[in-house]
Amino acid sequence: MKARNELRLLPWSGPDGKPCYLSTDDSDGYMSRLADNLEAVQLGMAAELLNQAQELLDDGDTETEELRLLAMTVTGALRDALRVATSRGRRLVTSESDCS
């Protein structure tokens, strides 16, 4: 079994909300590709949400309930983006140490 810092943090959580990890050296394997695709979707959705958020914030007539929904949605997108960044950062550190 690989050390925890060598495992890939997946872009989804388990049923109990705990992080899921993948132990493989095969970056072309099914689970790795699935995770790559989901990360791309999550980051794309975050980019779209950022544009929508800016439009809502620029509109002086935005209702409080709309802002609350925006905050909840942005929180989820930020959580996803942070998980992607964490996962990719760990893989960079691992791959750099492999080159040494």
N, C-alpha and C. Protein backbone atom coordinates (compact mmCIF):
# COMPACT_ATOMS: atom_id res chain seq x y z
N MET A 1 0.85 -1.19 0.00
CA MET A 1 0.00 0.00 0.00
C MET A 1 0.88 1.23 0.00
N LYS A 2 0.50 2.22 -0.78
CA LYS A 2 1.25 3.46 -0.86
C LYS A 2 1.00 4.31 0.38
N ALA A 3 1.95 5.22 0.65
CA ALA A 3 1.75 6.19 1.73
C ALA A 3 0.62 7.12 1.34
N ARG A 4 -0.05 7.67 2.33
CA ARG A 4 -1.21 8.54 2.07
C ARG A 4 -0.87 9.70 1.14
N ASN A 5 0.35 10.26 1.26
CA ASN A 5 0.71 11.39 0.42
C ASN A 5 1.01 10.96 -1.02
N GLU A 6 1.07 9.66 -1.28
CA GLU A 6 1.29 9.16 -2.64
C GLU A 6 -0.03 8.73 -3.29
N LEU A 7 -1.10 8.72 -2.52
CA LEU A 7 -2.40 8.36 -3.05
C LEU A 7 -3.02 9.57 -3.74
N ARG A 8 -3.81 9.31 -4.77
CA ARG A 8 -4.49 10.40 -5.45
C ARG A 8 -5.80 10.71 -4.75
N LEU A 9 -5.98 11.95 -4.34
CA LEU A 9 -7.23 12.41 -3.78
C LEU A 9 -8.22 12.53 -4.92
N LEU A 10 -9.32 11.80 -4.83
CA LEU A 10 -10.32 11.81 -5.89
C LEU A 10 -11.27 12.99 -5.73
N PRO A 11 -11.89 13.42 -6.83
CA PRO A 11 -12.74 14.62 -6.78
C PRO A 11 -14.15 14.35 -6.25
N TRP A 12 -14.32 13.30 -5.49
CA TRP A 12 -15.61 13.01 -4.87
C TRP A 12 -15.36 12.45 -3.48
N SER A 13 -16.40 12.47 -2.67
CA SER A 13 -16.32 11.95 -1.30
C SER A 13 -17.05 10.63 -1.22
N GLY A 14 -16.74 9.89 -0.17
CA GLY A 14 -17.46 8.65 0.09
C GLY A 14 -18.83 8.95 0.68
N PRO A 15 -19.63 7.91 0.91
CA PRO A 15 -20.99 8.09 1.42
C PRO A 15 -21.04 8.84 2.75
N ASP A 16 -20.00 8.72 3.55
CA ASP A 16 -19.98 9.38 4.86
C ASP A 16 -19.30 10.75 4.80
N GLY A 17 -18.99 11.22 3.58
CA GLY A 17 -18.38 12.53 3.43
C GLY A 17 -16.87 12.55 3.54
N LYS A 18 -16.28 11.39 3.80
CA LYS A 18 -14.83 11.32 3.93
C LYS A 18 -14.18 11.28 2.55
N PRO A 19 -12.93 11.76 2.45
CA PRO A 19 -12.26 11.77 1.15
C PRO A 19 -12.02 10.35 0.62
N CYS A 20 -11.99 10.23 -0.70
CA CYS A 20 -11.68 8.97 -1.37
C CYS A 20 -10.31 9.12 -2.03
N TYR A 21 -9.55 8.04 -2.02
CA TYR A 21 -8.21 8.05 -2.60
C TYR A 21 -8.07 6.90 -3.59
N LEU A 22 -7.16 7.08 -4.54
CA LEU A 22 -6.87 6.06 -5.55
C LEU A 22 -5.40 5.71 -5.45
N SER A 23 -5.13 4.42 -5.39
CA SER A 23 -3.76 3.94 -5.35
C SER A 23 -3.45 3.26 -6.68
N THR A 24 -2.75 3.98 -7.54
CA THR A 24 -2.36 3.41 -8.83
C THR A 24 -1.22 4.22 -9.42
N ASP A 25 -0.40 3.57 -10.20
CA ASP A 25 0.64 4.26 -10.96
C ASP A 25 0.19 4.47 -12.41
N ASP A 26 -1.00 3.97 -12.74
CA ASP A 26 -1.52 4.03 -14.10
C ASP A 26 -2.38 5.27 -14.29
N SER A 27 -1.79 6.34 -14.82
CA SER A 27 -2.54 7.57 -15.02
C SER A 27 -3.51 7.45 -16.19
N ASP A 28 -3.43 6.36 -16.94
CA ASP A 28 -4.34 6.12 -18.06
C ASP A 28 -5.42 5.11 -17.72
N GLY A 29 -5.45 4.66 -16.48
CA GLY A 29 -6.45 3.69 -16.06
C GLY A 29 -7.84 4.30 -16.01
N TYR A 30 -8.85 3.44 -15.95
CA TYR A 30 -10.24 3.89 -15.97
C TYR A 30 -10.54 4.90 -14.86
N MET A 31 -10.17 4.57 -13.63
CA MET A 31 -10.49 5.46 -12.50
C MET A 31 -9.73 6.78 -12.59
N SER A 32 -8.50 6.74 -13.06
CA SER A 32 -7.73 7.98 -13.23
C SER A 32 -8.37 8.87 -14.28
N ARG A 33 -8.79 8.28 -15.39
CA ARG A 33 -9.45 9.06 -16.45
C ARG A 33 -10.79 9.60 -15.97
N LEU A 34 -11.54 8.78 -15.22
CA LEU A 34 -12.81 9.23 -14.67
C LEU A 34 -12.60 10.44 -13.75
N ALA A 35 -11.59 10.35 -12.89
CA ALA A 35 -11.28 11.45 -11.98
C ALA A 35 -10.84 12.69 -12.76
N ASP A 36 -10.01 12.51 -13.78
CA ASP A 36 -9.57 13.63 -14.61
C ASP A 36 -10.76 14.33 -15.25
N ASN A 37 -11.68 13.53 -15.79
CA ASN A 37 -12.87 14.10 -16.45
C ASN A 37 -13.76 14.85 -15.46
N LEU A 38 -13.96 14.28 -14.29
CA LEU A 38 -14.79 14.94 -13.29
C LEU A 38 -14.14 16.23 -12.81
N GLU A 39 -12.83 16.22 -12.62
CA GLU A 39 -12.12 17.44 -12.24
C GLU A 39 -12.32 18.53 -13.29
N ALA A 40 -12.24 18.17 -14.56
CA ALA A 40 -12.43 19.14 -15.64
C ALA A 40 -13.85 19.72 -15.61
N VAL A 41 -14.83 18.86 -15.36
CA VAL A 41 -16.22 19.31 -15.26
C VAL A 41 -16.38 20.26 -14.07
N GLN A 42 -15.82 19.89 -12.93
CA GLN A 42 -15.93 20.71 -11.73
C GLN A 42 -15.30 22.08 -11.94
N LEU A 43 -14.13 22.12 -12.56
CA LEU A 43 -13.46 23.40 -12.78
C LEU A 43 -14.21 24.24 -13.82
N GLY A 44 -14.76 23.59 -14.83
CA GLY A 44 -15.56 24.31 -15.83
C GLY A 44 -16.81 24.90 -15.22
N MET A 45 -17.47 24.14 -14.35
CA MET A 45 -18.66 24.64 -13.68
C MET A 45 -18.32 25.80 -12.76
N ALA A 46 -17.17 25.71 -12.10
CA ALA A 46 -16.75 26.81 -11.22
C ALA A 46 -16.51 28.08 -12.02
N ALA A 47 -15.92 27.95 -13.20
CA ALA A 47 -15.67 29.13 -14.04
C ALA A 47 -16.99 29.76 -14.48
N GLU A 48 -17.95 28.94 -14.87
CA GLU A 48 -19.26 29.46 -15.25
C GLU A 48 -19.95 30.13 -14.06
N LEU A 49 -19.85 29.50 -12.90
CA LEU A 49 -20.48 30.05 -11.70
C LEU A 49 -19.85 31.39 -11.33
N LEU A 50 -18.57 31.51 -11.51
CA LEU A 50 -17.90 32.78 -11.22
C LEU A 50 -18.48 33.91 -12.07
N ASN A 51 -18.70 33.63 -13.34
CA ASN A 51 -19.31 34.64 -14.22
C ASN A 51 -20.73 34.99 -13.76
N GLN A 52 -21.51 33.98 -13.43
CA GLN A 52 -22.88 34.22 -12.96
C GLN A 52 -22.88 35.01 -11.65
N ALA A 53 -21.95 34.66 -10.77
CA ALA A 53 -21.86 35.35 -9.47
C ALA A 53 -21.55 36.82 -9.68
N GLN A 54 -20.63 37.09 -10.60
CA GLN A 54 -20.28 38.49 -10.86
C GLN A 54 -21.47 39.27 -11.38
N GLU A 55 -22.26 38.64 -12.25
CA GLU A 55 -23.46 39.31 -12.78
C GLU A 55 -24.46 39.60 -11.66
N LEU A 56 -24.68 38.63 -10.77
CA LEU A 56 -25.61 38.84 -9.66
C LEU A 56 -25.12 39.93 -8.71
N LEU A 57 -23.83 39.93 -8.44
CA LEU A 57 -23.28 40.92 -7.52
C LEU A 57 -23.30 42.33 -8.14
N ASP A 58 -23.16 42.40 -9.46
CA ASP A 58 -23.20 43.70 -10.13
C ASP A 58 -24.61 44.27 -10.21
N ASP A 59 -25.61 43.40 -10.09
CA ASP A 59 -27.01 43.81 -10.17
C ASP A 59 -27.46 44.30 -8.79
N GLY A 60 -27.73 45.56 -8.69
CA GLY A 60 -28.13 46.15 -7.41
C GLY A 60 -29.49 45.68 -6.91
N ASP A 61 -30.27 45.02 -7.76
CA ASP A 61 -31.61 44.58 -7.38
C ASP A 61 -31.66 43.10 -6.96
N THR A 62 -30.51 42.48 -6.81
CA THR A 62 -30.48 41.06 -6.43
C THR A 62 -31.06 40.88 -5.03
N GLU A 63 -31.98 39.95 -4.91
CA GLU A 63 -32.65 39.67 -3.63
C GLU A 63 -31.71 38.92 -2.68
N THR A 64 -31.98 39.06 -1.40
CA THR A 64 -31.19 38.39 -0.37
C THR A 64 -31.20 36.88 -0.55
N GLU A 65 -32.34 36.31 -0.89
CA GLU A 65 -32.44 34.86 -1.07
C GLU A 65 -31.58 34.40 -2.25
N GLU A 66 -31.52 35.21 -3.31
CA GLU A 66 -30.67 34.89 -4.45
C GLU A 66 -29.19 34.89 -4.03
N LEU A 67 -28.83 35.86 -3.21
CA LEU A 67 -27.45 35.94 -2.74
C LEU A 67 -27.10 34.77 -1.83
N ARG A 68 -28.07 34.36 -1.02
CA ARG A 68 -27.86 33.20 -0.15
C ARG A 68 -27.63 31.94 -0.98
N LEU A 69 -28.45 31.74 -2.00
CA LEU A 69 -28.29 30.59 -2.89
C LEU A 69 -26.95 30.67 -3.61
N LEU A 70 -26.58 31.86 -4.05
CA LEU A 70 -25.28 32.06 -4.70
C LEU A 70 -24.15 31.67 -3.76
N ALA A 71 -24.22 32.12 -2.52
CA ALA A 71 -23.16 31.80 -1.55
C ALA A 71 -23.05 30.29 -1.32
N MET A 72 -24.18 29.61 -1.24
CA MET A 72 -24.16 28.16 -1.04
C MET A 72 -23.55 27.46 -2.25
N THR A 73 -23.93 27.90 -3.44
CA THR A 73 -23.42 27.29 -4.67
C THR A 73 -21.93 27.56 -4.84
N VAL A 74 -21.52 28.80 -4.58
CA VAL A 74 -20.10 29.16 -4.68
C VAL A 74 -19.28 28.36 -3.67
N THR A 75 -19.82 28.16 -2.48
CA THR A 75 -19.13 27.38 -1.46
C THR A 75 -18.85 25.96 -1.95
N GLY A 76 -19.85 25.34 -2.57
CA GLY A 76 -19.66 24.00 -3.11
C GLY A 76 -18.63 23.96 -4.22
N ALA A 77 -18.68 24.95 -5.12
CA ALA A 77 -17.73 25.01 -6.22
C ALA A 77 -16.32 25.26 -5.71
N LEU A 78 -16.20 26.11 -4.70
CA LEU A 78 -14.88 26.38 -4.11
C LEU A 78 -14.34 25.14 -3.43
N ARG A 79 -15.19 24.40 -2.75
CA ARG A 79 -14.79 23.14 -2.12
C ARG A 79 -14.25 22.17 -3.18
N ASP A 80 -14.97 22.05 -4.29
CA ASP A 80 -14.53 21.16 -5.37
C ASP A 80 -13.20 21.61 -5.96
N ALA A 81 -13.07 22.92 -6.23
CA ALA A 81 -11.84 23.45 -6.81
C ALA A 81 -10.65 23.27 -5.86
N LEU A 82 -10.89 23.44 -4.57
CA LEU A 82 -9.82 23.24 -3.59
C LEU A 82 -9.39 21.78 -3.55
N ARG A 83 -10.35 20.87 -3.66
CA ARG A 83 -10.02 19.43 -3.68
C ARG A 83 -9.18 19.10 -4.92
N VAL A 84 -9.56 19.68 -6.08
CA VAL A 84 -8.79 19.45 -7.31
C VAL A 84 -7.37 20.00 -7.14
N ALA A 85 -7.25 21.21 -6.62
CA ALA A 85 -5.93 21.82 -6.42
C ALA A 85 -5.09 21.00 -5.45
N THR A 86 -5.69 20.53 -4.38
CA THR A 86 -4.97 19.71 -3.41
C THR A 86 -4.49 18.42 -4.05
N SER A 87 -5.36 17.78 -4.78
CA SER A 87 -5.01 16.53 -5.45
C SER A 87 -3.87 16.73 -6.44
N ARG A 88 -3.99 17.76 -7.26
CA ARG A 88 -2.96 18.01 -8.28
C ARG A 88 -1.65 18.44 -7.64
N GLY A 89 -1.73 19.21 -6.57
CA GLY A 89 -0.52 19.62 -5.86
C GLY A 89 0.21 18.44 -5.26
N ARG A 90 -0.51 17.51 -4.68
CA ARG A 90 0.12 16.31 -4.12
C ARG A 90 0.79 15.49 -5.21
N ARG A 91 0.13 15.39 -6.36
CA ARG A 91 0.72 14.61 -7.45
C ARG A 91 1.96 15.29 -8.02
N LEU A 92 1.98 16.63 -8.02
CA LEU A 92 3.17 17.35 -8.47
C LEU A 92 4.34 17.08 -7.54
N VAL A 93 4.10 17.16 -6.24
CA VAL A 93 5.15 16.92 -5.26
C VAL A 93 5.67 15.50 -5.38
N THR A 94 4.77 14.54 -5.55
CA THR A 94 5.17 13.14 -5.68
C THR A 94 5.97 12.92 -6.95
N SER A 95 5.51 13.50 -8.08
CA SER A 95 6.24 13.29 -9.34
C SER A 95 7.60 14.00 -9.33
N GLU A 96 7.69 15.15 -8.66
CA GLU A 96 8.97 15.85 -8.56
C GLU A 96 9.95 15.06 -7.72
N SER A 97 9.49 14.43 -6.64
CA SER A 97 10.37 13.65 -5.79
C SER A 97 10.80 12.37 -6.50
N ASP A 98 9.98 11.86 -7.43
CA ASP A 98 10.34 10.68 -8.21
C ASP A 98 11.48 11.00 -9.17
N CYS A 99 11.58 12.27 -9.62
CA CYS A 99 12.60 12.69 -10.57
C CYS A 99 13.95 12.91 -9.91
N SER A 100 13.95 13.08 -8.60
CA SER A 100 15.20 13.39 -7.88
C SER A 100 16.09 12.20 -7.76
